Amino acid sequence: MRVAVLGAGVAGLVCAHRLSCEGHVCDVYERWPGLGGQAATLDVGGGELLERYYHHLFTSDRHIVALYEELGMGDELEWHPSSMAFFVDGRQWAFNGALDLLRFRPLPPVARVRMGVAVLLLQKLAKEAGPFEAITAHEWIASRMGRAPWEKIWGPLLRGKFGERAEDISMVWLWNKLTLRRQLEGDEARQELLGYPRHSWELLFDALRTSVEGGGGRVLIDRPASSLRRDGSGFVVASGVSGSFRSGHDPRAFASPEGGAERYDAVVATVPNDAFLGLLDDDLRAAIGSPYLDRLRATEYHTALCLLLELDRRFSPFYWTNIADTQIPFVGLVEHTNFIDPARYGGRRFLYVANYLAPGDPLLALSADELLDAYMPGLLAVVPDFSKDWIRASWLHREAAAQPIVTVGYHERIPPLQTGVRGLVLANTTQIYPEDRGTNYSVRLGGDAARSLLDAASLLHA
């Protein structure tokens, strides 16, 4: 088959790699002028690559570790100690294990113990998502941990990530965060280890591109799909011109060059739901049908807004600081060079200021300098000595469909990979469930998408 894969994020690249290994020829279309989607890198100067959005791996992330091994790159992954804190009541509190919880004075002693026991029982006994699909995280925390942990920790964190939807978020989302993502045993129960590649994620993306091109395909960056229609038993993909990424995410805004359309036997779309809807012509919409399209429209996303700062000194002692203060207009501080030695970057230091915002939030319209001004009171609250003089450079990135809003009943609204149109598969972050989005699960999703397409093709020819 000749297959078009729409999107060169991790899921799209892995899907095209899997199909290429099975003898199919894949063309991968990508809006951004680079590979990796939300894991894409940027050159921060001197040839040093860093992710636009902070990334790391957990020791439980077996899918991406297996992919590195498969590609002969197993020694590319390194595992380093992590350090985490909560900012609450005017200071950072270390939060790396049971002893830190017992020392966590923002909570009364009884609440600390009750919270610790609730998390421990969840990790030991709750092996399935099912019991948590009909209850919100707010309801579960209030009943199992009490009011204080919600008010001091979980409420501010969920409001920072999900805004007005904080009290609607399914307990499945938090169950995943507290169990699947952190399956800590042995020495790691005392200090968590996180993974990161020696040379950024770019080497992985290059290896996947080489695989696709070795199978006769192409990886077309800065060339998004702008429309999709059927042509007999196949499909026609029209592509946008270079620079279309500056027009946003809606394919209908991408100008198409003359003759910029090609025919394929099948299509795997790894773009967000709204972008997928924007690609379809009326005939495809009708063929897919309202029930499936309604599932796509029902999905809500929040935008990731990430300000990356290069500093001339360390900002704080921690890699990851969760902001549990509703007066601070960002949700997290991720100091990459408290995780990876600054020597790797010639002694340079990097801090991500992380945020998730509802569409239309005024902060999304600001420039990097304007956003820094808005964030300065919050940064000074965390580190009173901080000054703009510490900043050597800054980069700002926005990802409109970064975080699906996982409310109660979400599992019933997930669209299946098969769209109902023969040869057309959709695979994106909304279908990663019950786990939260991430590179590891995008690897799995890309493999699932390839298998779904091949299984449908084999049934057709059986």
Protein backbone atom coordinates (compact mmCIF):
# COMPACT_ATOMS: atom_id res chain seq x y z
CA MET A 1 0.00 0.00 0.00
CA ARG A 2 0.90 3.63 -0.41
CA VAL A 3 -0.05 5.37 2.84
CA ALA A 4 -0.21 9.02 3.88
CA VAL A 5 0.50 9.63 7.56
CA LEU A 6 -0.67 13.06 8.67
CA GLY A 7 1.52 14.41 11.44
CA ALA A 8 5.19 13.73 12.25
CA GLY A 9 4.82 13.60 16.01
CA VAL A 10 5.92 10.48 17.84
CA ALA A 11 2.74 8.55 17.00
CA GLY A 12 2.90 9.46 13.32
CA LEU A 13 6.59 8.62 12.93
CA VAL A 14 6.22 5.29 14.75
CA CYS A 15 3.15 4.39 12.68
CA ALA A 16 5.02 5.13 9.44
CA HIS A 17 8.04 3.18 10.72
CA ARG A 18 5.89 0.14 11.52
CA LEU A 19 4.16 0.25 8.14
CA SER A 20 7.48 0.68 6.34
CA CYS A 21 8.84 -2.40 8.10
CA GLU A 22 5.87 -4.32 6.69
CA GLY A 23 6.74 -3.29 3.15
CA HIS A 24 4.37 -0.34 2.70
CA VAL A 25 5.45 3.06 1.36
CA CYS A 26 4.60 6.00 3.59
CA ASP A 27 4.63 9.75 3.08
CA VAL A 28 4.49 11.70 6.35
CA TYR A 29 3.07 15.24 6.24
CA GLU A 30 4.01 17.66 9.03
CA ARG A 31 2.87 21.24 9.65
CA TRP A 32 5.80 22.21 11.88
CA PRO A 33 9.29 22.73 10.36
CA GLY A 34 10.66 19.90 12.47
CA LEU A 35 9.94 16.38 13.71
CA GLY A 36 8.48 15.15 16.98
CA GLY A 37 5.29 17.10 17.55
CA GLN A 38 5.14 18.19 21.18
CA ALA A 39 8.57 16.60 21.69
CA ALA A 40 10.14 18.62 18.86
CA THR A 41 13.47 20.27 19.57
CA LEU A 42 14.85 23.72 18.91
CA ASP A 43 18.41 24.95 18.53
CA VAL A 44 19.10 27.10 21.58
CA GLY A 45 22.41 28.23 20.10
CA GLY A 46 25.78 26.67 19.49
CA GLY A 47 24.13 23.63 17.93
CA GLU A 48 22.62 22.60 21.28
CA LEU A 49 19.16 21.02 20.99
CA LEU A 50 16.49 21.26 23.64
CA GLU A 51 12.81 20.31 23.54
CA ARG A 52 10.28 23.09 22.98
CA TYR A 53 8.29 21.55 25.84
CA TYR A 54 9.95 19.76 28.78
CA HIS A 55 10.15 15.98 28.43
CA HIS A 56 11.39 13.04 30.45
CA LEU A 57 10.65 9.33 30.83
CA PHE A 58 9.52 7.24 33.77
CA THR A 59 11.02 3.83 34.50
CA SER A 60 7.60 2.34 33.71
CA ASP A 61 7.72 3.70 30.12
CA ARG A 62 8.46 0.35 28.48
CA HIS A 63 7.16 1.13 24.97
CA ILE A 64 9.64 3.88 24.17
CA VAL A 65 12.51 2.04 25.87
CA ALA A 66 11.76 -0.97 23.64
CA LEU A 67 11.73 1.28 20.56
CA TYR A 68 15.17 2.64 21.41
CA GLU A 69 16.41 -0.94 21.77
CA GLU A 70 14.79 -1.99 18.48
CA LEU A 71 16.55 0.85 16.65
CA GLY A 72 19.92 -0.07 18.14
CA MET A 73 19.95 3.01 20.35
CA GLY A 74 19.45 1.46 23.78
CA ASP A 75 22.50 3.19 25.24
CA GLU A 76 21.08 6.57 24.25
CA LEU A 77 18.80 6.63 27.30
CA GLU A 78 20.21 7.75 30.64
CA TRP A 79 18.50 7.63 34.02
CA HIS A 80 19.03 10.41 36.54
CA PRO A 81 17.74 11.18 40.04
CA SER A 82 14.80 13.55 40.14
CA SER A 83 13.78 16.18 42.68
CA MET A 84 10.29 17.64 43.09
CA ALA A 85 8.76 20.35 45.23
CA PHE A 86 5.42 22.02 45.90
CA PHE A 87 5.23 25.78 46.15
CA VAL A 88 2.60 26.56 48.75
CA ASP A 89 2.30 28.98 51.68
CA GLY A 90 5.06 31.15 50.27
CA ARG A 91 7.87 28.62 49.86
CA GLN A 92 9.05 25.47 48.08
CA TRP A 93 8.59 22.25 50.01
CA ALA A 94 10.56 19.16 48.94
CA PHE A 95 8.15 16.37 47.98
CA ASN A 96 10.10 13.27 47.01
CA GLY A 97 8.85 10.58 49.36
CA ALA A 98 7.14 9.62 52.60
CA LEU A 99 9.51 11.58 54.84
CA ASP A 100 8.93 14.78 52.88
CA LEU A 101 5.18 14.27 53.20
CA LEU A 102 5.52 13.89 56.97
CA ARG A 103 7.51 17.16 57.06
CA PHE A 104 4.99 19.00 54.86
CA ARG A 105 3.76 21.64 57.31
CA PRO A 106 1.11 23.22 55.01
CA LEU A 107 -0.99 20.18 55.98
CA PRO A 108 -1.92 19.32 59.58
CA PRO A 109 -0.16 16.15 60.83
CA VAL A 110 -3.31 14.03 60.65
CA ALA A 111 -3.96 15.16 57.07
CA ARG A 112 -0.39 14.25 56.06
CA VAL A 113 -0.82 10.72 57.36
CA ARG A 114 -4.29 10.36 55.86
CA MET A 115 -3.06 11.54 52.45
CA GLY A 116 -0.06 9.22 52.54
CA VAL A 117 -2.17 6.21 53.47
CA ALA A 118 -4.72 7.01 50.72
CA VAL A 119 -2.00 7.20 48.06
CA LEU A 120 -0.30 4.03 49.33
CA LEU A 121 -3.54 2.04 49.29
CA LEU A 122 -4.33 3.36 45.81
CA GLN A 123 -0.95 2.26 44.50
CA LYS A 124 -1.09 -1.16 46.15
CA LEU A 125 -4.73 -2.11 45.62
CA ALA A 126 -6.18 -0.15 42.68
CA LYS A 127 -5.04 -2.07 39.60
CA GLU A 128 -7.89 -1.18 37.22
CA ALA A 129 -9.30 2.13 35.98
CA GLY A 130 -12.92 0.97 36.03
CA PRO A 131 -13.82 1.86 39.64
CA PHE A 132 -12.65 5.45 39.08
CA GLU A 133 -14.45 6.24 35.85
CA ALA A 134 -17.69 7.41 37.49
CA ILE A 135 -16.17 9.64 40.18
CA THR A 136 -14.30 12.93 40.02
CA ALA A 137 -10.85 13.42 41.50
CA HIS A 138 -12.35 16.10 43.73
CA GLU A 139 -14.90 13.68 45.17
CA TRP A 140 -12.33 10.94 45.74
CA ILE A 141 -9.80 13.25 47.39
CA ALA A 142 -12.42 14.80 49.65
CA SER A 143 -13.63 11.38 50.80
CA ARG A 144 -10.25 9.59 51.10
CA MET A 145 -7.85 12.40 52.02
CA GLY A 146 -10.06 15.13 53.44
CA ARG A 147 -10.58 18.81 52.74
CA ALA A 148 -7.08 20.09 53.56
CA PRO A 149 -5.19 18.11 50.86
CA TRP A 150 -7.70 19.31 48.26
CA GLU A 151 -7.40 22.95 49.34
CA LYS A 152 -3.61 22.99 49.75
CA ILE A 153 -2.38 20.61 47.03
CA TRP A 154 -4.72 18.91 44.61
CA GLY A 155 -7.28 21.69 44.10
CA PRO A 156 -4.68 24.34 43.15
CA LEU A 157 -2.85 21.86 40.90
CA LEU A 158 -5.98 20.78 39.04
CA ARG A 159 -7.16 24.40 38.73
CA GLY A 160 -3.76 25.32 37.32
CA LYS A 161 -3.98 22.56 34.68
CA PHE A 162 -7.72 22.48 33.96
CA GLY A 163 -9.01 25.89 35.07
CA GLU A 164 -12.76 26.00 35.65
CA ARG A 165 -13.03 22.27 34.87
CA ALA A 166 -10.87 21.28 37.87
CA GLU A 167 -13.71 19.78 39.90
CA ASP A 168 -15.02 17.88 36.85
CA ILE A 169 -11.81 15.93 36.14
CA SER A 170 -12.23 12.16 36.33
CA MET A 171 -10.45 10.28 39.09
CA VAL A 172 -9.02 8.06 36.35
CA TRP A 173 -6.68 10.90 35.40
CA LEU A 174 -5.30 11.18 38.95
CA TRP A 175 -5.26 7.39 39.41
CA ASN A 176 -2.96 7.19 36.40
CA LYS A 177 -0.66 9.89 37.76
CA LEU A 178 -0.37 8.19 41.16
CA THR A 179 -0.09 4.57 40.02
CA LEU A 180 0.76 3.80 36.39
CA ARG A 181 3.30 6.58 35.95
CA ARG A 182 5.19 5.96 39.17
CA GLN A 183 5.55 2.25 39.83
CA LEU A 184 8.40 2.65 42.26
CA GLU A 185 10.14 -0.32 43.80
CA GLY A 186 13.48 -0.97 45.53
CA ASP A 187 15.96 1.90 45.53
CA GLU A 188 13.69 4.05 43.40
CA ALA A 189 11.09 4.11 46.16
CA ARG A 190 13.54 6.41 47.99
CA GLN A 191 14.54 8.55 45.00
CA GLU A 192 12.75 8.51 41.69
CA LEU A 193 14.78 8.08 38.52
CA LEU A 194 13.74 9.74 35.27
CA GLY A 195 15.01 9.09 31.77
CA TYR A 196 16.40 11.42 29.14
CA PRO A 197 18.32 10.79 25.89
CA ARG A 198 21.99 11.75 25.72
CA HIS A 199 21.48 13.84 22.58
CA SER A 200 17.90 15.11 22.96
CA TRP A 201 14.98 13.35 21.24
CA GLU A 202 16.18 14.40 17.79
CA LEU A 203 18.27 11.25 17.24
CA LEU A 204 15.17 9.10 17.73
CA PHE A 205 13.20 11.16 15.20
CA ASP A 206 16.08 10.96 12.71
CA ALA A 207 16.22 7.16 13.08
CA LEU A 208 12.47 6.87 12.44
CA ARG A 209 12.76 9.14 9.39
CA THR A 210 15.60 7.00 8.06
CA SER A 211 13.40 3.92 8.44
CA VAL A 212 10.54 5.54 6.51
CA GLU A 213 12.81 6.80 3.75
CA GLY A 214 14.54 3.43 3.56
CA GLY A 215 11.15 1.93 2.71
CA GLY A 216 10.75 4.31 -0.21
CA GLY A 217 8.69 6.91 1.62
CA ARG A 218 9.15 10.59 2.43
CA VAL A 219 8.99 12.69 5.57
CA LEU A 220 7.77 16.13 4.53
CA ILE A 221 8.29 18.74 7.21
CA ASP A 222 6.85 22.25 6.91
CA ARG A 223 4.30 20.69 4.56
CA PRO A 224 1.00 19.94 6.27
CA ALA A 225 -2.03 18.26 4.82
CA SER A 226 -4.57 20.94 3.92
CA SER A 227 -7.48 18.74 2.77
CA LEU A 228 -8.51 15.11 2.42
CA ARG A 229 -11.00 13.54 0.05
CA ARG A 230 -11.85 10.13 -1.37
CA ASP A 231 -10.90 9.07 -4.89
CA GLY A 232 -12.43 5.74 -5.85
CA SER A 233 -11.05 3.18 -3.41
CA GLY A 234 -8.30 5.54 -2.20
CA PHE A 235 -7.74 9.10 -0.99
CA VAL A 236 -6.31 12.36 -2.23
CA VAL A 237 -4.23 14.45 0.18
CA ALA A 238 -3.63 18.09 -0.69
CA SER A 239 -0.70 19.75 1.04
CA GLY A 240 -0.14 23.28 2.25
CA VAL A 241 2.69 25.57 1.24
CA SER A 242 5.86 26.09 3.28
CA GLY A 243 5.23 28.36 6.25
CA SER A 244 1.63 27.21 6.75
CA PHE A 245 2.38 26.67 10.45
CA ARG A 246 2.26 30.44 10.86
CA SER A 247 -1.46 30.29 10.01
CA GLY A 248 -2.27 28.19 13.09
CA HIS A 249 -3.66 24.67 13.29
CA ASP A 250 -6.76 24.83 11.08
CA PRO A 251 -5.99 23.12 7.73
CA ARG A 252 -8.59 25.30 6.02
CA ALA A 253 -6.25 28.27 6.54
CA PHE A 254 -3.37 26.59 4.68
CA ALA A 255 -2.82 27.77 1.12
CA SER A 256 -2.23 24.89 -1.30
CA PRO A 257 0.25 25.09 -4.19
CA GLU A 258 -0.72 24.18 -7.73
CA GLY A 259 -0.56 20.44 -8.17
CA GLY A 260 0.06 19.90 -4.49
CA ALA A 261 -2.17 16.83 -4.19
CA GLU A 262 -1.30 13.12 -4.26
CA ARG A 263 -3.27 9.88 -4.20
CA TYR A 264 -2.90 7.18 -1.53
CA ASP A 265 -4.43 3.80 -0.81
CA ALA A 266 -4.88 4.63 2.88
CA VAL A 267 -4.48 7.48 5.37
CA VAL A 268 -3.54 7.53 9.05
CA ALA A 269 -4.23 10.92 10.65
CA THR A 270 -2.41 11.65 13.92
CA VAL A 271 -3.57 15.27 14.13
CA PRO A 272 -5.91 16.66 16.84
CA ASN A 273 -9.65 16.19 16.46
CA ASP A 274 -10.39 19.73 15.31
CA ALA A 275 -7.60 19.62 12.70
CA PHE A 276 -8.93 16.27 11.43
CA LEU A 277 -12.42 17.74 11.10
CA GLY A 278 -10.97 20.66 9.14
CA LEU A 279 -9.34 18.29 6.64
CA LEU A 280 -12.50 16.45 5.60
CA ASP A 281 -14.64 17.32 2.60
CA ASP A 282 -18.42 16.92 2.72
CA ASP A 283 -18.34 13.46 1.18
CA LEU A 284 -15.93 12.12 3.81
CA ARG A 285 -17.90 13.73 6.63
CA ALA A 286 -21.04 12.03 5.40
CA ALA A 287 -19.24 8.69 5.02
CA ILE A 288 -17.80 8.85 8.53
CA GLY A 289 -21.19 9.76 9.97
CA SER A 290 -22.49 11.97 12.74
CA PRO A 291 -21.97 9.61 15.72
CA TYR A 292 -18.20 9.48 15.13
CA LEU A 293 -17.93 13.18 14.27
CA ASP A 294 -19.89 14.10 17.39
CA ARG A 295 -17.29 12.28 19.49
CA LEU A 296 -14.58 14.35 17.88
CA ARG A 297 -16.43 17.59 18.54
CA ALA A 298 -17.12 16.64 22.16
CA THR A 299 -13.42 16.60 23.06
CA GLU A 300 -12.12 19.65 24.91
CA TYR A 301 -8.48 20.69 24.90
CA HIS A 302 -6.40 23.13 26.91
CA THR A 303 -3.44 24.90 25.34
CA ALA A 304 0.12 24.39 26.56
CA LEU A 305 1.93 27.70 26.94
CA CYS A 306 5.62 27.19 27.63
CA LEU A 307 8.19 29.92 28.24
CA LEU A 308 11.77 28.62 28.10
CA LEU A 309 14.39 30.81 29.78
CA GLU A 310 18.15 30.53 29.58
CA LEU A 311 19.57 31.75 32.90
CA ASP A 312 23.07 32.63 33.99
CA ARG A 313 22.64 30.83 37.32
CA ARG A 314 20.48 28.22 39.05
CA PHE A 315 16.93 29.34 39.79
CA SER A 316 16.06 26.89 42.59
CA PRO A 317 17.31 23.55 43.98
CA PHE A 318 14.57 21.45 42.34
CA TYR A 319 14.00 19.92 38.92
CA TRP A 320 10.20 20.11 39.11
CA THR A 321 8.15 22.56 41.19
CA ASN A 322 4.38 22.21 41.21
CA ILE A 323 2.74 25.58 41.86
CA ALA A 324 -0.07 25.12 44.39
CA ASP A 325 -0.78 28.84 44.78
CA THR A 326 -3.82 30.14 42.91
CA GLN A 327 -2.41 33.68 42.86
CA ILE A 328 0.51 32.63 40.64
CA PRO A 329 -0.43 32.62 36.92
CA PHE A 330 1.53 29.51 35.89
CA VAL A 331 1.30 25.89 36.96
CA GLY A 332 4.88 24.61 37.07
CA LEU A 333 8.60 25.34 36.99
CA VAL A 334 10.79 22.74 35.31
CA GLU A 335 14.49 23.46 35.72
CA HIS A 336 15.99 21.18 33.11
CA THR A 337 19.58 21.72 34.24
CA ASN A 338 18.75 20.53 37.75
CA PHE A 339 18.02 17.20 36.05
CA ILE A 340 20.64 17.16 33.27
CA ASP A 341 24.09 18.48 34.14
CA PRO A 342 24.60 22.03 32.77
CA ALA A 343 28.01 20.85 31.52
CA ARG A 344 26.16 19.12 28.66
CA TYR A 345 25.18 22.61 27.48
CA GLY A 346 28.51 24.29 28.07
CA GLY A 347 27.50 25.42 31.55
CA ARG A 348 24.27 27.05 30.35
CA ARG A 349 21.12 26.69 32.46
CA PHE A 350 17.51 26.34 31.30
CA LEU A 351 14.18 26.82 33.05
CA TYR A 352 10.73 26.05 31.62
CA VAL A 353 7.80 28.07 32.98
CA ALA A 354 4.83 25.84 32.24
CA ASN A 355 1.16 26.65 31.85
CA TYR A 356 -2.10 25.13 30.58
CA LEU A 357 -4.86 27.52 29.59
CA ALA A 358 -8.38 27.39 28.19
CA PRO A 359 -8.79 28.65 24.62
CA GLY A 360 -9.10 32.41 24.52
CA ASP A 361 -7.18 33.08 27.74
CA PRO A 362 -5.55 36.54 27.48
CA LEU A 363 -2.11 35.13 28.34
CA LEU A 364 -2.10 33.21 25.05
CA ALA A 365 -1.99 36.46 23.08
CA LEU A 366 1.15 37.81 24.77
CA SER A 367 4.67 37.94 23.36
CA ALA A 368 7.55 36.34 25.27
CA ASP A 369 8.50 39.67 26.85
CA GLU A 370 4.90 40.48 27.76
CA LEU A 371 4.38 37.04 29.26
CA LEU A 372 7.57 37.36 31.30
CA ASP A 373 6.24 40.65 32.71
CA ALA A 374 2.99 38.90 33.66
CA TYR A 375 4.93 36.06 35.29
CA MET A 376 7.48 38.18 37.18
CA PRO A 377 5.43 38.51 40.43
CA GLY A 378 5.03 34.73 40.52
CA LEU A 379 8.71 34.06 39.80
CA LEU A 380 9.66 36.52 42.55
CA ALA A 381 7.28 34.80 44.95
CA VAL A 382 9.18 31.54 44.42
CA VAL A 383 12.68 33.09 44.38
CA PRO A 384 12.65 36.63 45.84
CA ASP A 385 16.17 37.39 44.54
CA PHE A 386 15.27 36.59 40.94
CA SER A 387 15.93 39.36 38.43
CA LYS A 388 15.48 39.77 34.69
CA ASP A 389 19.23 40.32 34.65
CA TRP A 390 19.60 36.55 35.15
CA ILE A 391 17.96 35.91 31.74
CA ARG A 392 20.21 35.43 28.71
CA ALA A 393 17.54 34.36 26.19
CA SER A 394 13.92 33.26 25.98
CA TRP A 395 11.69 31.21 23.68
CA LEU A 396 7.89 30.94 23.73
CA HIS A 397 5.79 28.10 22.31
CA ARG A 398 2.06 27.37 22.28
CA GLU A 399 0.36 24.05 21.53
CA ALA A 400 -3.38 24.48 21.09
CA ALA A 401 -4.41 20.81 21.48
CA ALA A 402 -1.96 19.81 24.17
CA GLN A 403 -4.15 18.49 27.00
CA PRO A 404 -7.46 16.69 26.51
CA ILE A 405 -9.90 17.42 29.34
CA VAL A 406 -10.62 14.03 30.93
CA THR A 407 -13.99 14.38 32.66
CA VAL A 408 -16.27 11.68 34.08
CA GLY A 409 -17.52 9.42 31.29
CA TYR A 410 -14.59 10.30 29.02
CA HIS A 411 -14.00 6.65 28.13
CA GLU A 412 -17.45 6.50 26.53
CA ARG A 413 -16.65 9.44 24.24
CA ILE A 414 -13.29 8.25 22.88
CA PRO A 415 -13.42 7.82 19.09
CA PRO A 416 -12.13 4.43 17.89
CA LEU A 417 -9.08 4.24 15.65
CA GLN A 418 -11.24 3.02 12.77
CA THR A 419 -13.29 5.95 11.48
CA GLY A 420 -15.80 3.75 9.68
CA VAL A 421 -14.33 4.64 6.28
CA ARG A 422 -12.22 1.83 4.86
CA GLY A 423 -8.54 2.79 4.87
CA LEU A 424 -8.92 5.88 7.07
CA VAL A 425 -7.56 5.69 10.64
CA LEU A 426 -7.42 8.40 13.31
CA ALA A 427 -4.87 8.14 16.14
CA ASN A 428 -4.23 11.05 18.51
CA THR A 429 -3.79 11.89 22.18
CA THR A 430 -7.52 11.80 22.92
CA GLN A 431 -7.34 8.00 22.50
CA ILE A 432 -4.55 7.49 25.02
CA TYR A 433 -6.58 6.16 27.93
CA PRO A 434 -6.54 5.53 30.83
CA GLU A 435 -2.97 6.80 30.71
CA ASP A 436 -2.25 10.48 30.24
CA ARG A 437 -0.59 11.73 27.05
CA GLY A 438 3.19 11.31 26.71
CA THR A 439 5.92 10.10 24.35
CA ASN A 440 5.80 6.56 25.71
CA TYR A 441 2.10 6.14 25.04
CA SER A 442 2.42 7.89 21.67
CA VAL A 443 4.85 5.11 20.70
CA ARG A 444 2.21 2.56 21.64
CA LEU A 445 -0.50 4.51 19.84
CA GLY A 446 1.54 4.68 16.63
CA GLY A 447 1.95 0.90 16.69
CA ASP A 448 -1.75 0.42 17.39
CA ALA A 449 -2.65 2.67 14.45
CA ALA A 450 -0.44 0.70 12.06
CA ARG A 451 -1.91 -2.61 13.25
CA SER A 452 -5.44 -1.28 12.97
CA LEU A 453 -4.86 -0.27 9.35
CA LEU A 454 -3.17 -3.56 8.45
CA ASP A 455 -5.81 -5.67 10.21
CA ALA A 456 -8.57 -3.89 8.29
CA ALA A 457 -6.68 -4.39 5.02
CA SER A 458 -6.15 -8.10 5.67
CA LEU A 459 -9.86 -8.58 6.41
CA LEU A 460 -10.70 -6.82 3.15
CA HIS A 461 -8.51 -9.21 1.15
CA ALA A 462 -9.31 -12.34 3.12
